[in-house]
PDB file of N, CA and C in Angstrom:
ATOM      1  N   UNK A   1     192.492  18.093 149.303  1.00  0.00           N
ATOM      2  CA  UNK A   1     191.268  18.847 149.555  1.00  0.00           C
ATOM      3  C   UNK A   1     190.267  17.938 150.257  1.00  0.00           C
ATOM      4  N   UNK A   2     189.676  18.444 151.286  1.00  0.00           N
ATOM      5  CA  UNK A   2     188.631  17.715 152.013  1.00  0.00           C
ATOM      6  C   UNK A   2     187.268  18.175 151.491  1.00  0.00           C
ATOM      7  N   UNK A   3     186.514  17.227 150.964  1.00  0.00           N
ATOM      8  CA  UNK A   3     185.203  17.537 150.399  1.00  0.00           C
ATOM      9  C   UNK A   3     184.111  17.261 151.425  1.00  0.00           C
ATOM     10  N   UNK A   4     183.002  17.997 151.331  1.00  0.00           N
ATOM     11  CA  UNK A   4     181.930  17.794 152.308  1.00  0.00           C
ATOM     12  C   UNK A   4     181.221  16.461 152.120  1.00  0.00           C
ATOM     13  N   UNK A   5     180.652  15.968 153.198  1.00  0.00           N
ATOM     14  CA  UNK A   5     179.777  14.803 153.138  1.00  0.00           C
ATOM     15  C   UNK A   5     178.543  15.263 152.360  1.00  0.00           C
ATOM     16  N   UNK A   6     178.262  14.621 151.251  1.00  0.00           N
ATOM     17  CA  UNK A   6     177.267  15.154 150.319  1.00  0.00           C
ATOM     18  C   UNK A   6     175.830  15.112 150.821  1.00  0.00           C
ATOM     19  N   UNK A   7     175.464  14.102 151.577  1.00  0.00           N
ATOM     20  CA  UNK A   7     174.069  14.030 152.012  1.00  0.00           C
ATOM     21  C   UNK A   7     173.670  15.228 152.876  1.00  0.00           C
ATOM     22  N   UNK A   8     174.379  15.539 153.954  1.00  0.00           N
ATOM     23  CA  UNK A   8     173.984  16.725 154.730  1.00  0.00           C
ATOM     24  C   UNK A   8     174.222  18.035 153.970  1.00  0.00           C
ATOM     25  N   UNK A   9     175.236  18.051 153.130  1.00  0.00           N
ATOM     26  CA  UNK A   9     175.523  19.244 152.335  1.00  0.00           C
ATOM     27  C   UNK A   9     174.327  19.589 151.446  1.00  0.00           C
ATOM     28  N   UNK A  10     173.842  18.594 150.725  1.00  0.00           N
ATOM     29  CA  UNK A  10     172.712  18.846 149.842  1.00  0.00           C
ATOM     30  C   UNK A  10     171.385  18.904 150.595  1.00  0.00           C
ATOM     31  N   UNK A  11     171.333  18.381 151.814  1.00  0.00           N
ATOM     32  CA  UNK A  11     170.127  18.564 152.630  1.00  0.00           C
ATOM     33  C   UNK A  11     169.966  20.040 152.971  1.00  0.00           C
ATOM     34  N   UNK A  12     171.069  20.712 153.235  1.00  0.00           N
ATOM     35  CA  UNK A  12     171.021  22.153 153.474  1.00  0.00           C
ATOM     36  C   UNK A  12     170.473  22.867 152.238  1.00  0.00           C
ATOM     37  N   UNK A  13     170.944  22.472 151.061  1.00  0.00           N
ATOM     38  CA  UNK A  13     170.445  23.076 149.826  1.00  0.00           C
ATOM     39  C   UNK A  13     168.964  22.750 149.619  1.00  0.00           C
ATOM     40  N   UNK A  14     168.554  21.553 149.974  1.00  0.00           N
ATOM     41  CA  UNK A  14     167.143  21.172 149.872  1.00  0.00           C
ATOM     42  C   UNK A  14     166.284  22.034 150.786  1.00  0.00           C
ATOM     43  N   UNK A  15     166.765  22.280 151.994  1.00  0.00           N
ATOM     44  CA  UNK A  15     166.019  23.126 152.932  1.00  0.00           C
ATOM     45  C   UNK A  15     165.867  24.546 152.384  1.00  0.00           C
ATOM     46  N   UNK A  16     166.927  25.066 151.812  1.00  0.00           N
ATOM     47  CA  UNK A  16     166.867  26.403 151.208  1.00  0.00           C
ATOM     48  C   UNK A  16     165.883  26.386 150.043  1.00  0.00           C
ATOM     49  N   UNK A  17     165.948  25.362 149.214  1.00  0.00           N
ATOM     50  CA  UNK A  17     165.077  25.248 148.050  1.00  0.00           C
ATOM     51  C   UNK A  17     163.612  25.124 148.466  1.00  0.00           C
ATOM     52  N   UNK A  18     163.357  24.403 149.544  1.00  0.00           N
ATOM     53  CA  UNK A  18     161.985  24.306 150.057  1.00  0.00           C
ATOM     54  C   UNK A  18     161.442  25.686 150.419  1.00  0.00           C
ATOM     55  N   UNK A  19     162.292  26.517 151.000  1.00  0.00           N
ATOM     56  CA  UNK A  19     161.866  27.885 151.319  1.00  0.00           C
ATOM     57  C   UNK A  19     161.638  28.701 150.055  1.00  0.00           C
ATOM     58  N   UNK A  20     162.476  28.508 149.057  1.00  0.00           N
ATOM     59  CA  UNK A  20     162.313  29.212 147.784  1.00  0.00           C
ATOM     60  C   UNK A  20     160.990  28.814 147.143  1.00  0.00           C
ATOM     61  N   UNK A  21     160.605  27.557 147.258  1.00  0.00           N
ATOM     62  CA  UNK A  21     159.371  27.059 146.652  1.00  0.00           C
ATOM     63  C   UNK A  21     158.132  27.765 147.199  1.00  0.00           C
ATOM     64  N   UNK A  22     158.262  28.434 148.321  1.00  0.00           N
ATOM     65  CA  UNK A  22     157.123  29.147 148.896  1.00  0.00           C
ATOM     66  C   UNK A  22     156.679  30.324 148.033  1.00  0.00           C
ATOM     67  N   UNK A  23     157.465  30.675 147.009  1.00  0.00           N
ATOM     68  CA  UNK A  23     156.999  31.736 146.107  1.00  0.00           C
ATOM     69  C   UNK A  23     155.738  31.288 145.378  1.00  0.00           C
ATOM     70  N   UNK A  24     155.474  29.992 145.362  1.00  0.00           N
ATOM     71  CA  UNK A  24     154.303  29.453 144.674  1.00  0.00           C
ATOM     72  C   UNK A  24     153.130  29.191 145.617  1.00  0.00           C
ATOM     73  N   UNK A  25     153.200  29.748 146.807  1.00  0.00           N
ATOM     74  CA  UNK A  25     152.136  29.523 147.782  1.00  0.00           C
ATOM     75  C   UNK A  25     151.644  30.855 148.337  1.00  0.00           C
ATOM     76  N   UNK A  26     150.595  30.770 149.127  1.00  0.00           N
ATOM     77  CA  UNK A  26     150.078  31.953 149.796  1.00  0.00           C
ATOM     78  C   UNK A  26     150.740  32.153 151.159  1.00  0.00           C
ATOM     79  N   UNK A  27     151.628  31.245 151.544  1.00  0.00           N
ATOM     80  CA  UNK A  27     152.255  31.321 152.855  1.00  0.00           C
ATOM     81  C   UNK A  27     153.248  32.472 152.923  1.00  0.00           C
ATOM     82  N   UNK A  28     153.342  33.040 154.103  1.00  0.00           N
ATOM     83  CA  UNK A  28     154.292  34.118 154.343  1.00  0.00           C
ATOM     84  C   UNK A  28     155.713  33.556 154.350  1.00  0.00           C
ATOM     85  N   UNK A  29     156.597  34.289 153.757  1.00  0.00           N
ATOM     86  CA  UNK A  29     158.005  33.890 153.742  1.00  0.00           C
ATOM     87  C   UNK A  29     158.851  35.135 153.526  1.00  0.00           C
ATOM     88  N   UNK A  30     160.082  35.042 153.930  1.00  0.00           N
ATOM     89  CA  UNK A  30     161.024  36.137 153.713  1.00  0.00           C
ATOM     90  C   UNK A  30     161.827  35.787 152.456  1.00  0.00           C
ATOM     91  N   UNK A  31     161.250  36.109 151.300  1.00  0.00           N
ATOM     92  CA  UNK A  31     161.869  35.722 150.035  1.00  0.00           C
ATOM     93  C   UNK A  31     163.248  36.355 149.852  1.00  0.00           C
ATOM     94  N   UNK A  32     163.414  37.577 150.290  1.00  0.00           N
ATOM     95  CA  UNK A  32     164.729  38.221 150.157  1.00  0.00           C
ATOM     96  C   UNK A  32     165.784  37.408 150.905  1.00  0.00           C
ATOM     97  N   UNK A  33     165.474  37.013 152.115  1.00  0.00           N
ATOM     98  CA  UNK A  33     166.409  36.224 152.921  1.00  0.00           C
ATOM     99  C   UNK A  33     166.657  34.862 152.269  1.00  0.00           C
ATOM    100  N   UNK A  34     165.573  34.227 151.800  1.00  0.00           N
ATOM    101  CA  UNK A  34     165.710  32.905 151.202  1.00  0.00           C
ATOM    102  C   UNK A  34     166.556  32.936 149.934  1.00  0.00           C
ATOM    103  N   UNK A  35     166.339  33.927 149.086  1.00  0.00           N
ATOM    104  CA  UNK A  35     167.135  34.031 147.862  1.00  0.00           C
ATOM    105  C   UNK A  35     168.582  34.399 148.179  1.00  0.00           C
ATOM    106  N   UNK A  36     168.804  35.158 149.241  1.00  0.00           N
ATOM    107  CA  UNK A  36     170.169  35.463 149.668  1.00  0.00           C
ATOM    108  C   UNK A  36     170.860  34.186 150.131  1.00  0.00           C
ATOM    109  N   UNK A  37     170.154  33.347 150.889  1.00  0.00           N
ATOM    110  CA  UNK A  37     170.732  32.066 151.327  1.00  0.00           C
ATOM    111  C   UNK A  37     171.088  31.198 150.121  1.00  0.00           C
ATOM    112  N   UNK A  38     170.192  31.171 149.135  1.00  0.00           N
ATOM    113  CA  UNK A  38     170.458  30.380 147.932  1.00  0.00           C
ATOM    114  C   UNK A  38     171.690  30.906 147.203  1.00  0.00           C
ATOM    115  N   UNK A  39     171.779  32.209 147.038  1.00  0.00           N
ATOM    116  CA  UNK A  39     172.931  32.803 146.360  1.00  0.00           C
ATOM    117  C   UNK A  39     174.225  32.547 147.125  1.00  0.00           C
ATOM    118  N   UNK A  40     174.172  32.679 148.436  1.00  0.00           N
ATOM    119  CA  UNK A  40     175.367  32.441 149.264  1.00  0.00           C
ATOM    120  C   UNK A  40     175.813  30.980 149.165  1.00  0.00           C
ATOM    121  N   UNK A  41     174.847  30.066 149.236  1.00  0.00           N
ATOM    122  CA  UNK A  41     175.179  28.639 149.134  1.00  0.00           C
ATOM    123  C   UNK A  41     175.823  28.342 147.787  1.00  0.00           C
ATOM    124  N   UNK A  42     175.240  28.894 146.729  1.00  0.00           N
ATOM    125  CA  UNK A  42     175.758  28.648 145.385  1.00  0.00           C
ATOM    126  C   UNK A  42     177.176  29.194 145.231  1.00  0.00           C
ATOM    127  N   UNK A  43     177.434  30.362 145.774  1.00  0.00           N
ATOM    128  CA  UNK A  43     178.792  30.932 145.698  1.00  0.00           C
ATOM    129  C   UNK A  43     179.795  30.044 146.429  1.00  0.00           C
ATOM    130  N   UNK A  44     179.411  29.536 147.583  1.00  0.00           N
ATOM    131  CA  UNK A  44     180.307  28.635 148.321  1.00  0.00           C
ATOM    132  C   UNK A  44     180.490  27.319 147.572  1.00  0.00           C
ATOM    133  N   UNK A  45     179.422  26.819 146.971  1.00  0.00           N
ATOM    134  CA  UNK A  45     179.496  25.581 146.188  1.00  0.00           C
ATOM    135  C   UNK A  45     180.479  25.752 145.028  1.00  0.00           C
ATOM    136  N   UNK A  46     180.403  26.890 144.349  1.00  0.00           N
ATOM    137  CA  UNK A  46     181.273  27.127 143.199  1.00  0.00           C
ATOM    138  C   UNK A  46     182.747  27.247 143.593  1.00  0.00           C
ATOM    139  N   UNK A  47     183.010  27.567 144.839  1.00  0.00           N
ATOM    140  CA  UNK A  47     184.394  27.738 145.295  1.00  0.00           C
ATOM    141  C   UNK A  47     185.095  26.401 145.553  1.00  0.00           C
ATOM    142  N   UNK A  48     184.336  25.333 145.607  1.00  0.00           N
ATOM    143  CA  UNK A  48     184.921  24.010 145.863  1.00  0.00           C
ATOM    144  C   UNK A  48     185.365  23.391 144.534  1.00  0.00           C
ATOM    145  N   UNK A  49     186.597  22.885 144.459  1.00  0.00           N
ATOM    146  CA  UNK A  49     187.086  22.301 143.204  1.00  0.00           C
ATOM    147  C   UNK A  49     186.559  20.869 142.988  1.00  0.00           C
ATOM    148  N   UNK A  50     185.266  20.757 142.743  1.00  0.00           N
ATOM    149  CA  UNK A  50     184.625  19.449 142.572  1.00  0.00           C
ATOM    150  C   UNK A  50     185.276  18.630 141.456  1.00  0.00           C
ATOM    151  N   UNK A  51     185.796  19.316 140.459  1.00  0.00           N
ATOM    152  CA  UNK A  51     186.379  18.608 139.310  1.00  0.00           C
ATOM    153  C   UNK A  51     187.592  17.771 139.695  1.00  0.00           C
ATOM    154  N   UNK A  52     188.173  18.060 140.846  1.00  0.00           N
ATOM    155  CA  UNK A  52     189.346  17.305 141.297  1.00  0.00           C
ATOM    156  C   UNK A  52     188.991  16.121 142.195  1.00  0.00           C
ATOM    157  N   UNK A  53     187.719  15.931 142.479  1.00  0.00           N
ATOM    158  CA  UNK A  53     187.305  14.827 143.351  1.00  0.00           C
ATOM    159  C   UNK A  53     187.377  13.502 142.589  1.00  0.00           C
ATOM    160  N   UNK A  54     187.341  12.401 143.347  1.00  0.00           N
ATOM    161  CA  UNK A  54     187.409  11.109 142.672  1.00  0.00           C
ATOM    162  C   UNK A  54     186.105  10.844 141.900  1.00  0.00           C
ATOM    163  N   UNK A  55     186.163   9.880 141.021  1.00  0.00           N
ATOM    164  CA  UNK A  55     185.069   9.613 140.076  1.00  0.00           C
ATOM    165  C   UNK A  55     183.739   9.311 140.780  1.00  0.00           C
ATOM    166  N   UNK A  56     183.775   8.433 141.756  1.00  0.00           N
ATOM    167  CA  UNK A  56     182.551   8.039 142.462  1.00  0.00           C
ATOM    168  C   UNK A  56     181.925   9.242 143.172  1.00  0.00           C
ATOM    169  N   UNK A  57     182.755  10.025 143.826  1.00  0.00           N
ATOM    170  CA  UNK A  57     182.282  11.211 144.539  1.00  0.00           C
ATOM    171  C   UNK A  57     181.688  12.218 143.553  1.00  0.00           C
ATOM    172  N   UNK A  58     182.375  12.426 142.439  1.00  0.00           N
ATOM    173  CA  UNK A  58     181.897  13.399 141.452  1.00  0.00           C
ATOM    174  C   UNK A  58     180.558  12.958 140.867  1.00  0.00           C
ATOM    175  N   UNK A  59     180.399  11.683 140.628  1.00  0.00           N
ATOM    176  CA  UNK A  59     179.116  11.186 140.110  1.00  0.00           C
ATOM    177  C   UNK A  59     177.997  11.419 141.117  1.00  0.00           C
ATOM    178  N   UNK A  60     178.280  11.197 142.379  1.00  0.00           N
ATOM    179  CA  UNK A  60     177.267  11.431 143.405  1.00  0.00           C
ATOM    180  C   UNK A  60     176.954  12.928 143.513  1.00  0.00           C
ATOM    181  N   UNK A  61     177.988  13.760 143.517  1.00  0.00           N
ATOM    182  CA  UNK A  61     177.787  15.208 143.509  1.00  0.00           C
ATOM    183  C   UNK A  61     176.912  15.605 142.318  1.00  0.00           C
ATOM    184  N   UNK A  62     177.246  15.087 141.148  1.00  0.00           N
ATOM    185  CA  UNK A  62     176.497  15.422 139.923  1.00  0.00           C
ATOM    186  C   UNK A  62     175.037  15.007 140.037  1.00  0.00           C
ATOM    187  N   UNK A  63     174.806  13.866 140.642  1.00  0.00           N
ATOM    188  CA  UNK A  63     173.442  13.384 140.825  1.00  0.00           C
ATOM    189  C   UNK A  63     172.647  14.331 141.725  1.00  0.00           C
ATOM    190  N   UNK A  64     173.224  14.692 142.843  1.00  0.00           N
ATOM    191  CA  UNK A  64     172.563  15.630 143.761  1.00  0.00           C
ATOM    192  C   UNK A  64     172.326  16.985 143.077  1.00  0.00           C
ATOM    193  N   UNK A  65     173.346  17.477 142.403  1.00  0.00           N
ATOM    194  CA  UNK A  65     173.251  18.799 141.783  1.00  0.00           C
ATOM    195  C   UNK A  65     172.210  18.798 140.661  1.00  0.00           C
ATOM    196  N   UNK A  66     172.181  17.749 139.868  1.00  0.00           N
ATOM    197  CA  UNK A  66     171.205  17.627 138.786  1.00  0.00           C
ATOM    198  C   UNK A  66     169.785  17.548 139.351  1.00  0.00           C
ATOM    199  N   UNK A  67     169.624  16.801 140.430  1.00  0.00           N
ATOM    200  CA  UNK A  67     168.309  16.709 141.071  1.00  0.00           C
ATOM    201  C   UNK A  67     167.864  18.083 141.563  1.00  0.00           C
ATOM    202  N   UNK A  68     168.766  18.822 142.167  1.00  0.00           N
ATOM    203  CA  UNK A  68     168.452  20.189 142.616  1.00  0.00           C
ATOM    204  C   UNK A  68     167.978  21.028 141.429  1.00  0.00           C
ATOM    205  N   UNK A  69     168.661  20.907 140.308  1.00  0.00           N
ATOM    206  CA  UNK A  69     168.265  21.646 139.112  1.00  0.00           C
ATOM    207  C   UNK A  69     166.860  21.284 138.651  1.00  0.00           C
ATOM    208  N   UNK A  70     166.513  20.007 138.723  1.00  0.00           N
ATOM    209  CA  UNK A  70     165.163  19.563 138.332  1.00  0.00           C
ATOM    210  C   UNK A  70     164.102  20.151 139.267  1.00  0.00           C
ATOM    211  N   UNK A  71     164.409  20.230 140.533  1.00  0.00           N
ATOM    212  CA  UNK A  71     163.472  20.824 141.497  1.00  0.00           C
ATOM    213  C   UNK A  71     163.288  22.310 141.184  1.00  0.00           C
ATOM    214  N   UNK A  72     164.367  22.998 140.878  1.00  0.00           N
ATOM    215  CA  UNK A  72     164.275  24.418 140.520  1.00  0.00           C
ATOM    216  C   UNK A  72     163.426  24.575 139.260  1.00  0.00           C
ATOM    217  N   UNK A  73     163.635  23.716 138.272  1.00  0.00           N
ATOM    218  CA  UNK A  73     162.812  23.770 137.052  1.00  0.00           C
ATOM    219  C   UNK A  73     161.332  23.611 137.377  1.00  0.00           C
ATOM    220  N   UNK A  74     161.029  22.708 138.287  1.00  0.00           N
ATOM    221  CA  UNK A  74     159.633  22.470 138.671  1.00  0.00           C
ATOM    222  C   UNK A  74     159.033  23.687 139.377  1.00  0.00           C
ATOM    223  N   UNK A  75     159.804  24.308 140.244  1.00  0.00           N
ATOM    224  CA  UNK A  75     159.335  25.519 140.921  1.00  0.00           C
ATOM    225  C   UNK A  75     159.062  26.614 139.890  1.00  0.00           C
ATOM    226  N   UNK A  76     159.941  26.759 138.920  1.00  0.00           N
ATOM    227  CA  UNK A  76     159.775  27.762 137.866  1.00  0.00           C
ATOM    228  C   UNK A  76     158.529  27.457 137.038  1.00  0.00           C
ATOM    229  N   UNK A  77     158.371  26.200 136.648  1.00  0.00           N
ATOM    230  CA  UNK A  77     157.207  25.818 135.843  1.00  0.00           C
ATOM    231  C   UNK A  77     155.913  26.136 136.586  1.00  0.00           C
ATOM    232  N   UNK A  78     155.873  25.767 137.849  1.00  0.00           N
ATOM    233  CA  UNK A  78     154.679  26.017 138.658  1.00  0.00           C
ATOM    234  C   UNK A  78     154.427  27.518 138.813  1.00  0.00           C
ATOM    235  N   UNK A  79     155.482  28.285 139.039  1.00  0.00           N
ATOM    236  CA  UNK A  79     155.334  29.738 139.191  1.00  0.00           C
ATOM    237  C   UNK A  79     154.800  30.374 137.906  1.00  0.00           C
ATOM    238  N   UNK A  80     155.227  29.870 136.785  1.00  0.00           N
ATOM    239  CA  UNK A  80     154.730  30.396 135.507  1.00  0.00           C
ATOM    240  C   UNK A  80     153.252  30.067 135.312  1.00  0.00           C
ATOM    241  N   UNK A  81     152.827  28.919 135.792  1.00  0.00           N
ATOM    242  CA  UNK A  81     151.417  28.547 135.693  1.00  0.00           C
ATOM    243  C   UNK A  81     150.556  29.414 136.603  1.00  0.00           C
ATOM    244  N   UNK A  82     151.062  29.698 137.784  1.00  0.00           N
ATOM    245  CA  UNK A  82     150.314  30.498 138.760  1.00  0.00           C
ATOM    246  C   UNK A  82     150.271  31.969 138.344  1.00  0.00           C
ATOM    247  N   UNK A  83     151.371  32.461 137.814  1.00  0.00           N
ATOM    248  CA  UNK A  83     151.505  33.846 137.361  1.00  0.00           C
ATOM    249  C   UNK A  83     151.063  34.867 138.405  1.00  0.00           C
ATOM    250  N   UNK A  84     151.590  34.733 139.604  1.00  0.00           N
ATOM    251  CA  UNK A  84     151.308  35.695 140.660  1.00  0.00           C
ATOM    252  C   UNK A  84     152.154  36.944 140.423  1.00  0.00           C
ATOM    253  N   UNK A  85     151.515  38.070 140.078  1.00  0.00           N
ATOM    254  CA  UNK A  85     152.286  39.278 139.758  1.00  0.00           C
ATOM    255  C   UNK A  85     153.145  39.780 140.921  1.00  0.00           C
ATOM    256  N   UNK A  86     152.727  39.496 142.139  1.00  0.00           N
ATOM    257  CA  UNK A  86     153.508  39.928 143.305  1.00  0.00           C
ATOM    258  C   UNK A  86     154.819  39.149 143.436  1.00  0.00           C
ATOM    259  N   UNK A  87     154.892  38.015 142.792  1.00  0.00           N
ATOM    260  CA  UNK A  87     156.083  37.159 142.905  1.00  0.00           C
ATOM    261  C   UNK A  87     156.922  37.147 141.627  1.00  0.00           C
ATOM    262  N   UNK A  88     156.547  37.962 140.658  1.00  0.00           N
ATOM    263  CA  UNK A  88     157.254  37.973 139.368  1.00  0.00           C
ATOM    264  C   UNK A  88     158.753  38.231 139.520  1.00  0.00           C
ATOM    265  N   UNK A  89     159.125  39.156 140.383  1.00  0.00           N
ATOM    266  CA  UNK A  89     160.541  39.457 140.598  1.00  0.00           C
ATOM    267  C   UNK A  89     161.297  38.209 141.064  1.00  0.00           C
ATOM    268  N   UNK A  90     160.675  37.433 141.939  1.00  0.00           N
ATOM    269  CA  UNK A  90     161.334  36.233 142.456  1.00  0.00           C
ATOM    270  C   UNK A  90     161.412  35.144 141.397  1.00  0.00           C
ATOM    271  N   UNK A  91     160.415  35.073 140.557  1.00  0.00           N
ATOM    272  CA  UNK A  91     160.474  34.129 139.437  1.00  0.00           C
ATOM    273  C   UNK A  91     161.643  34.490 138.522  1.00  0.00           C
ATOM    274  N   UNK A  92     161.800  35.766 138.231  1.00  0.00           N
ATOM    275  CA  UNK A  92     162.929  36.196 137.392  1.00  0.00           C
ATOM    276  C   UNK A  92     164.260  35.846 138.052  1.00  0.00           C
ATOM    277  N   UNK A  93     164.354  36.065 139.357  1.00  0.00           N
ATOM    278  CA  UNK A  93     165.587  35.713 140.079  1.00  0.00           C
ATOM    279  C   UNK A  93     165.863  34.216 139.980  1.00  0.00           C
ATOM    280  N   UNK A  94     164.802  33.430 140.088  1.00  0.00           N
ATOM    281  CA  UNK A  94     164.965  31.984 140.039  1.00  0.00           C
ATOM    282  C   UNK A  94     165.381  31.516 138.648  1.00  0.00           C
ATOM    283  N   UNK A  95     164.824  32.128 137.622  1.00  0.00           N
ATOM    284  CA  UNK A  95     165.218  31.791 136.248  1.00  0.00           C
ATOM    285  C   UNK A  95     166.691  32.152 136.026  1.00  0.00           C
ATOM    286  N   UNK A  96     167.099  33.303 136.521  1.00  0.00           N
ATOM    287  CA  UNK A  96     168.500  33.714 136.412  1.00  0.00           C
ATOM    288  C   UNK A  96     169.408  32.747 137.164  1.00  0.00           C
ATOM    289  N   UNK A  97     168.993  32.339 138.346  1.00  0.00           N
ATOM    290  CA  UNK A  97     169.761  31.367 139.123  1.00  0.00           C
ATOM    291  C   UNK A  97     169.901  30.057 138.345  1.00  0.00           C
ATOM    292  N   UNK A  98     168.806  29.583 137.767  1.00  0.00           N
ATOM    293  CA  UNK A  98     168.829  28.316 137.016  1.00  0.00           C
ATOM    294  C   UNK A  98     169.794  28.414 135.843  1.00  0.00           C
ATOM    295  N   UNK A  99     169.780  29.524 135.137  1.00  0.00           N
ATOM    296  CA  UNK A  99     170.716  29.704 134.021  1.00  0.00           C
ATOM    297  C   UNK A  99     172.158  29.687 134.524  1.00  0.00           C
ATOM    298  N   UNK A 100     172.410  30.350 135.637  1.00  0.00           N
ATOM    299  CA  UNK A 100     173.761  30.365 136.215  1.00  0.00           C
ATOM    300  C   UNK A 100     174.185  28.967 136.636  1.00  0.00           C
ATOM    301  N   UNK A 101     173.251  28.239 137.230  1.00  0.00           N
ATOM    302  CA  UNK A 101     173.508  26.858 137.628  1.00  0.00           C
ATOM    303  C   UNK A 101     173.910  26.003 136.445  1.00  0.00           C
ATOM    304  N   UNK A 102     173.125  26.098 135.386  1.00  0.00           N
ATOM    305  CA  UNK A 102     173.384  25.296 134.186  1.00  0.00           C
ATOM    306  C   UNK A 102     174.732  25.646 133.568  1.00  0.00           C
ATOM    307  N   UNK A 103     175.031  26.940 133.488  1.00  0.00           N
ATOM    308  CA  UNK A 103     176.318  27.367 132.932  1.00  0.00           C
ATOM    309  C   UNK A 103     177.474  26.863 133.798  1.00  0.00           C
ATOM    310  N   UNK A 104     177.326  27.010 135.111  1.00  0.00           N
ATOM    311  CA  UNK A 104     178.362  26.546 136.022  1.00  0.00           C
ATOM    312  C   UNK A 104     178.592  25.042 135.865  1.00  0.00           C
ATOM    313  N   UNK A 105     177.520  24.265 135.844  1.00  0.00           N
ATOM    314  CA  UNK A 105     177.652  22.813 135.783  1.00  0.00           C
ATOM    315  C   UNK A 105     178.255  22.377 134.456  1.00  0.00           C
ATOM    316  N   UNK A 106     177.898  23.040 133.391  1.00  0.00           N
ATOM    317  CA  UNK A 106     178.479  22.731 132.087  1.00  0.00           C
ATOM    318  C   UNK A 106     179.987  22.992 132.102  1.00  0.00           C
ATOM    319  N   UNK A 107     180.379  24.129 132.644  1.00  0.00           N
ATOM    320  CA  UNK A 107     181.801  24.458 132.743  1.00  0.00           C
ATOM    321  C   UNK A 107     182.537  23.503 133.678  1.00  0.00           C
ATOM    322  N   UNK A 108     181.888  23.123 134.769  1.00  0.00           N
ATOM    323  CA  UNK A 108     182.488  22.185 135.708  1.00  0.00           C
ATOM    324  C   UNK A 108     182.769  20.849 135.023  1.00  0.00           C
ATOM    325  N   UNK A 109     181.825  20.359 134.262  1.00  0.00           N
ATOM    326  CA  UNK A 109     182.021  19.081 133.556  1.00  0.00           C
ATOM    327  C   UNK A 109     183.147  19.208 132.532  1.00  0.00           C
ATOM    328  N   UNK A 110     183.260  20.350 131.874  1.00  0.00           N
ATOM    329  CA  UNK A 110     184.373  20.567 130.930  1.00  0.00           C
ATOM    330  C   UNK A 110     185.708  20.560 131.674  1.00  0.00           C
ATOM    331  N   UNK A 111     185.766  21.249 132.817  1.00  0.00           N
ATOM    332  CA  UNK A 111     187.004  21.260 133.605  1.00  0.00           C
ATOM    333  C   UNK A 111     187.353  19.858 134.080  1.00  0.00           C
ATOM    334  N   UNK A 112     186.341  19.128 134.467  1.00  0.00           N
ATOM    335  CA  UNK A 112     186.549  17.746 134.937  1.00  0.00           C
ATOM    336  C   UNK A 112     187.124  16.894 133.806  1.00  0.00           C
ATOM    337  N   UNK A 113     186.551  17.044 132.633  1.00  0.00           N
ATOM    338  CA  UNK A 113     187.005  16.267 131.477  1.00  0.00           C
ATOM    339  C   UNK A 113     188.444  16.629 131.106  1.00  0.00           C
ATOM    340  N   UNK A 114     188.743  17.925 131.114  1.00  0.00           N
ATOM    341  CA  UNK A 114     190.098  18.339 130.731  1.00  0.00           C
ATOM    342  C   UNK A 114     191.126  17.960 131.797  1.00  0.00           C
ATOM    343  N   UNK A 115     190.735  17.994 133.074  1.00  0.00           N
ATOM    344  CA  UNK A 115     191.698  17.595 134.115  1.00  0.00           C
ATOM    345  C   UNK A 115     191.899  16.082 134.105  1.00  0.00           C
ATOM    346  N   UNK A 116     190.899  15.329 133.701  1.00  0.00           N
ATOM    347  CA  UNK A 116     191.037  13.872 133.591  1.00  0.00           C
ATOM    348  C   UNK A 116     191.929  13.495 132.402  1.00  0.00           C
ATOM    349  N   UNK A 117     191.877  14.322 131.355  1.00  0.00           N
ATOM    350  CA  UNK A 117     192.666  14.053 130.165  1.00  0.00           C
ATOM    351  C   UNK A 117     194.136  14.437 130.377  1.00  0.00           C
ATOM    352  N   UNK A 118     194.385  15.317 131.320  1.00  0.00           N
ATOM    353  CA  UNK A 118     195.749  15.803 131.550  1.00  0.00           C
ATOM    354  C   UNK A 118     196.606  14.823 132.295  1.00  0.00           C
TER     355      UNK A 118
END
């Protein structure tokens, strides 16, 4: 399996996340499009068998992915403080995404552990 170069791969995710963060601003944005990009990226990410990558690569992937999760948490925290009723739907979508992310990453680490033990 050929794995992506992680720096540009996660730069794409960072760019998408930067657009998602606009839910906490007064700036115009196409939130539907941005959340669709995030969902599409996540689906493609989940299709890659990261658990089969070598140890060093997996640690770097985990670092990038964990950092992304922290950024999402920060966006959620800020959105809750702002409490913009017009953006409530997007906050809910982001919370759902974060839960899915956490569940996926937990399962990925379990698969990684079990494949290493095999």
